[in-house]
Amino acid sequence: MNSTKTPVGKEVPVHKEGHEGVLMVDSLTGEVTTPTDQKPEWADGFAVALLAERTGYYESRLGTELSDELRSPEMFDADDLGWIGLDAEGDEVEIEASGEKRMTLLAEELGVDRENLDEDQFSNATAEVEVDYSYITHPTDEATLSEAEGITFEEKQAAQAGK
């Protein structure tokens, strides 16, 4: 990509854990704005960060109610981003985000300790997110239940819990 192009949006920093240097990318287009001769070694070949793909990944798993830190971190981790890049021959390639990095961030968001997985802890976190996500994607379901049964969803839950 042309490194002398004026950025469209503001620039956001990208770092790679355990490595030196920061790469700057345009916050709207994902285009790398750091001049080629100033890129850190770990960013060799990176041209465009797939910022929207990252947000879509987390929204598809957590709904639109992402924490501000997960939605728009002050500094992105290169491993948490997919990339369009150039290989040694100059051909365009897609570099996938690290699944391990994303699982770690999801676990943090859900309050799940991946080191000491307790089945109850995990199932409760998963169920809670699924219920929250269902209300976001199907907001009329609770209204339909109230209309059909004449009670609120919370009252129905409490009645079921009391059985």
Protein backbone atom coordinates (compact mmCIF):
# COMPACT_ATOMS: atom_id res chain seq x y z
CA MET A 1 0.00 0.00 0.00
CA ASN A 2 1.10 3.57 -0.57
CA SER A 3 2.59 4.79 2.72
CA THR A 4 2.44 8.48 1.72
CA LYS A 5 -1.36 8.49 1.39
CA THR A 6 -3.20 10.78 3.81
CA PRO A 7 -5.19 8.68 6.31
CA VAL A 8 -8.99 8.68 5.99
CA GLY A 9 -9.72 8.27 9.71
CA LYS A 10 -7.64 8.72 12.80
CA GLU A 11 -4.72 6.41 13.33
CA VAL A 12 -4.82 3.61 15.90
CA PRO A 13 -1.77 1.75 17.21
CA VAL A 14 -1.19 -1.98 16.84
CA HIS A 15 1.41 -3.86 18.88
CA LYS A 16 2.51 -7.48 19.02
CA GLU A 17 2.87 -8.95 22.49
CA GLY A 18 6.49 -9.78 23.30
CA HIS A 19 7.89 -7.75 20.39
CA GLU A 20 9.17 -4.23 20.00
CA GLY A 21 7.58 -1.53 17.91
CA VAL A 22 4.14 -0.23 17.08
CA LEU A 23 2.35 -0.15 13.75
CA MET A 24 -0.16 2.59 12.97
CA VAL A 25 -3.30 1.82 10.96
CA ASP A 26 -6.17 3.97 9.73
CA SER A 27 -9.14 3.45 12.08
CA LEU A 28 -11.69 3.40 9.25
CA THR A 29 -9.95 1.57 6.41
CA GLY A 30 -7.45 -0.53 8.37
CA GLU A 31 -4.73 0.56 5.95
CA VAL A 32 -1.23 0.60 7.45
CA THR A 33 -0.09 4.21 7.68
CA THR A 34 3.38 3.59 9.12
CA PRO A 35 5.98 4.14 6.39
CA THR A 36 7.49 0.86 5.15
CA ASP A 37 10.99 1.76 6.38
CA GLN A 38 9.63 2.42 9.89
CA LYS A 39 7.56 -0.76 10.31
CA PRO A 40 8.56 -3.12 13.12
CA GLU A 41 10.03 -6.43 11.95
CA TRP A 42 6.95 -8.39 13.06
CA ALA A 43 4.77 -6.31 10.69
CA ASP A 44 6.72 -7.11 7.54
CA GLY A 45 4.21 -7.66 4.74
CA PHE A 46 1.17 -6.34 6.65
CA ALA A 47 -0.87 -3.94 4.49
CA VAL A 48 -4.44 -3.77 5.82
CA ALA A 49 -5.82 -4.69 9.25
CA LEU A 50 -9.28 -6.29 9.13
CA LEU A 51 -10.78 -4.15 11.89
CA ALA A 52 -14.43 -4.72 10.96
CA GLU A 53 -13.89 -8.50 10.82
CA ARG A 54 -12.55 -8.35 14.40
CA THR A 55 -15.59 -6.47 15.68
CA GLY A 56 -17.92 -8.81 13.77
CA TYR A 57 -16.20 -11.82 15.31
CA TYR A 58 -16.86 -10.62 18.87
CA GLU A 59 -20.40 -9.37 18.13
CA SER A 60 -21.33 -12.75 16.64
CA ARG A 61 -20.33 -14.40 19.91
CA LEU A 62 -21.34 -11.79 22.48
CA GLY A 63 -24.01 -9.71 20.78
CA THR A 64 -23.75 -6.00 20.28
CA GLU A 65 -23.25 -5.31 23.99
CA LEU A 66 -19.46 -5.54 23.90
CA SER A 67 -17.43 -3.72 26.51
CA ASP A 68 -15.80 -0.54 25.23
CA GLU A 69 -12.38 -2.11 25.77
CA LEU A 70 -13.22 -5.08 23.57
CA ARG A 71 -15.04 -3.02 20.92
CA SER A 72 -12.43 -0.27 20.57
CA PRO A 73 -9.24 -0.89 22.52
CA GLU A 74 -6.76 1.94 22.89
CA MET A 75 -4.18 -0.31 21.27
CA PHE A 76 -4.94 -3.38 19.16
CA ASP A 77 -2.96 -6.60 19.43
CA ALA A 78 -1.71 -7.74 16.01
CA ASP A 79 -2.60 -11.34 16.89
CA ASP A 80 -6.24 -10.30 17.50
CA LEU A 81 -6.54 -8.97 13.95
CA GLY A 82 -6.84 -10.60 10.58
CA TRP A 83 -4.65 -8.99 7.93
CA ILE A 84 -4.33 -8.56 4.20
CA GLY A 85 -0.65 -8.68 3.43
CA LEU A 86 1.96 -9.35 0.80
CA ASP A 87 4.13 -12.45 0.73
CA ALA A 88 7.80 -12.57 -0.33
CA GLU A 89 6.77 -12.78 -4.02
CA GLY A 90 4.49 -9.75 -3.69
CA ASP A 91 1.26 -11.76 -3.89
CA GLU A 92 -1.70 -10.74 -1.75
CA VAL A 93 -2.38 -13.09 1.15
CA GLU A 94 -4.83 -13.18 4.04
CA ILE A 95 -3.36 -13.72 7.50
CA GLU A 96 -5.86 -15.05 10.03
CA ALA A 97 -6.16 -13.77 13.58
CA SER A 98 -4.92 -16.00 16.40
CA GLY A 99 -7.73 -18.22 17.65
CA GLU A 100 -5.92 -18.62 20.97
CA LYS A 101 -5.73 -14.83 21.46
CA ARG A 102 -9.42 -14.44 20.68
CA MET A 103 -10.42 -17.27 23.03
CA THR A 104 -8.43 -15.56 25.79
CA LEU A 105 -10.19 -12.23 25.21
CA LEU A 106 -13.62 -13.91 25.09
CA ALA A 107 -12.88 -15.72 28.35
CA GLU A 108 -11.88 -12.43 30.00
CA GLU A 109 -15.07 -10.76 28.76
CA LEU A 110 -17.19 -13.64 30.09
CA GLY A 111 -15.32 -13.92 33.39
CA VAL A 112 -14.19 -17.48 32.64
CA ASP A 113 -10.89 -18.69 34.11
CA ARG A 114 -9.35 -20.76 31.31
CA GLU A 115 -6.64 -22.10 33.62
CA ASN A 116 -9.04 -23.63 36.15
CA LEU A 117 -12.08 -24.50 34.11
CA ASP A 118 -14.92 -25.36 36.41
CA GLU A 119 -17.79 -26.87 34.47
CA ASP A 120 -20.40 -24.93 36.46
CA GLN A 121 -18.54 -21.64 35.99
CA PHE A 122 -18.35 -22.16 32.25
CA SER A 123 -21.93 -23.31 31.71
CA ASN A 124 -23.37 -20.40 33.71
CA ALA A 125 -21.33 -17.85 31.76
CA THR A 126 -22.35 -19.41 28.47
CA ALA A 127 -26.04 -19.55 29.39
CA GLU A 128 -26.00 -15.95 30.59
CA VAL A 129 -24.50 -14.71 27.31
CA GLU A 130 -26.93 -16.81 25.26
CA VAL A 131 -29.92 -15.37 27.14
CA ASP A 132 -28.63 -11.81 26.80
CA TYR A 133 -27.91 -12.36 23.12
CA SER A 134 -31.40 -13.82 22.56
CA TYR A 135 -33.01 -10.69 24.00
CA ILE A 136 -30.88 -8.53 21.73
CA THR A 137 -31.67 -10.54 18.59
CA HIS A 138 -35.29 -11.43 19.46
CA PRO A 139 -36.64 -8.58 21.61
CA THR A 140 -40.27 -9.54 20.95
CA ASP A 141 -39.96 -13.00 22.55
CA GLU A 142 -40.34 -11.66 26.09
CA ALA A 143 -43.30 -9.50 25.05
CA THR A 144 -44.92 -12.53 23.38
CA LEU A 145 -44.48 -14.63 26.55
CA SER A 146 -46.04 -11.88 28.67
CA GLU A 147 -48.97 -11.53 26.29
CA ALA A 148 -49.56 -15.29 25.99
CA GLU A 149 -49.27 -16.13 29.68
CA GLY A 150 -50.15 -12.80 31.26
CA ILE A 151 -46.87 -12.78 33.24
CA THR A 152 -43.41 -11.36 32.72
CA PHE A 153 -40.41 -13.46 31.81
CA GLU A 154 -38.87 -12.81 35.24
CA GLU A 155 -42.05 -14.06 36.97
CA LYS A 156 -41.98 -17.20 34.79
CA GLN A 157 -38.33 -17.80 35.66
CA ALA A 158 -39.01 -17.35 39.37
CA ALA A 159 -41.96 -19.76 39.18
CA GLN A 160 -39.84 -22.37 37.40
CA ALA A 161 -36.99 -21.94 39.89
CA GLY A 162 -39.42 -22.48 42.77
CA LYS A 163 -40.52 -25.90 41.47
